[in-house]
Protein backbone atom coordinates (compact mmCIF):
# COMPACT_ATOMS: atom_id res chain seq x y z
CA GLU A 1 -128.96 -87.62 -67.66
CA SER A 2 -128.33 -84.28 -65.97
CA VAL A 3 -128.94 -80.91 -67.56
CA THR A 4 -126.32 -78.23 -67.05
CA GLU A 5 -127.69 -74.73 -66.96
CA LYS A 6 -125.53 -72.07 -68.58
CA PHE A 7 -125.67 -68.38 -67.86
CA TYR A 8 -124.59 -65.64 -70.23
CA ASP A 9 -124.00 -61.99 -69.50
CA ASP A 10 -125.98 -59.56 -71.62
CA GLN A 11 -123.85 -56.88 -73.19
CA GLU A 12 -125.20 -53.70 -74.69
CA TYR A 13 -123.33 -51.49 -77.12
CA HIS A 14 -124.33 -48.05 -78.28
CA LEU A 15 -123.30 -47.68 -81.89
CA ARG A 16 -123.32 -44.58 -84.03
CA GLU A 17 -123.45 -44.13 -87.77
CA GLY A 18 -120.04 -44.90 -89.26
CA ASP A 19 -118.92 -47.27 -86.46
CA MET A 20 -117.39 -50.60 -87.51
CA VAL A 21 -118.26 -53.92 -85.90
CA TYR A 22 -115.90 -56.85 -86.48
CA LEU A 23 -116.91 -60.49 -86.21
CA PHE A 24 -114.33 -63.26 -86.41
CA THR A 25 -113.85 -66.93 -85.67
CA ASP A 26 -111.20 -68.22 -83.30
CA GLY A 27 -109.37 -69.66 -86.32
CA TYR A 28 -107.92 -66.25 -87.11
CA CYS A 29 -106.14 -65.73 -83.78
CA ASP A 30 -105.38 -69.46 -83.31
CA GLN A 31 -103.23 -69.48 -86.46
CA PHE A 32 -99.58 -70.39 -86.03
CA GLY A 33 -96.97 -68.22 -87.72
CA GLY A 34 -94.87 -65.12 -87.25
CA LYS A 35 -91.41 -65.31 -85.75
CA GLY A 36 -91.10 -68.59 -83.89
CA GLY A 37 -94.26 -70.18 -85.30
CA LYS A 38 -96.45 -69.19 -82.35
CA LYS A 39 -100.19 -68.59 -82.19
CA MET A 40 -101.32 -65.12 -83.22
CA LYS A 41 -103.52 -64.74 -80.12
CA ILE A 42 -106.14 -62.09 -79.40
CA SER A 43 -103.60 -59.42 -78.40
CA ARG A 44 -102.16 -59.30 -81.93
CA LEU A 45 -105.66 -59.32 -83.38
CA LYS A 46 -106.54 -56.28 -81.24
CA GLU A 47 -103.46 -54.49 -82.59
CA LEU A 48 -104.59 -55.31 -86.12
CA VAL A 49 -108.06 -53.87 -85.46
CA ASP A 50 -106.45 -50.65 -84.18
CA GLU A 51 -104.49 -50.42 -87.44
CA LEU A 52 -107.70 -50.75 -89.45
CA ALA A 53 -109.42 -47.67 -88.01
CA PRO A 54 -108.14 -45.03 -90.47
CA LEU A 55 -108.57 -47.25 -93.55
CA THR A 56 -111.49 -47.51 -95.96
CA ALA A 57 -113.48 -50.75 -95.98
CA ALA A 58 -111.69 -51.94 -99.13
CA GLU A 59 -108.28 -51.15 -97.61
CA GLN A 60 -109.29 -52.92 -94.38
CA GLN A 61 -110.22 -56.05 -96.31
CA LYS A 62 -106.88 -56.06 -98.12
CA HIS A 63 -104.92 -55.40 -94.91
CA VAL A 64 -106.68 -58.17 -92.92
CA LYS A 65 -106.07 -60.71 -95.69
CA GLU A 66 -102.42 -59.71 -96.20
CA PHE A 67 -101.75 -59.70 -92.46
CA PHE A 68 -103.15 -63.21 -92.06
CA PHE A 69 -101.17 -64.75 -94.91
CA GLU A 70 -97.97 -62.95 -93.90
CA TRP A 71 -98.46 -64.20 -90.33
CA MET A 72 -99.18 -67.76 -91.47
CA GLY A 73 -96.15 -67.86 -93.78
CA LYS A 74 -95.31 -71.47 -94.60
CA HIS A 75 -97.40 -72.92 -91.76
CA ASP A 76 -100.53 -74.88 -92.57
CA GLN A 77 -103.85 -73.20 -91.90
CA VAL A 78 -105.08 -74.82 -88.68
CA ASP A 79 -108.78 -73.95 -88.69
CA ASP A 80 -111.54 -72.27 -90.63
CA VAL A 81 -111.17 -68.49 -90.69
CA LEU A 82 -113.76 -65.74 -90.83
CA PHE A 83 -113.09 -62.06 -90.33
CA MET A 84 -115.96 -59.76 -91.21
CA GLY A 85 -116.47 -56.04 -90.73
CA LEU A 86 -119.84 -54.25 -90.78
CA ARG A 87 -120.15 -50.48 -91.01
CA ILE A 88 -123.17 -49.07 -89.18
């Protein structure tokens, strides 16, 4: 039995009071929907995060949920979904 060694890059972020950090599972951007029933993909998720910036936390929560269900439409949910924002 061989052991495969994995290497990870350390990343450091300098956060300030008021910054938002978003954590999400791949289920959010892997969801099929929209025009043509395609995957959402990370590029659309990045656009969504940009839209969230001027909103309050409560408005962000509502927007993220509405966006997901509008995107999904009549398609089945394909995976578990987590999208969480933390304000520093």
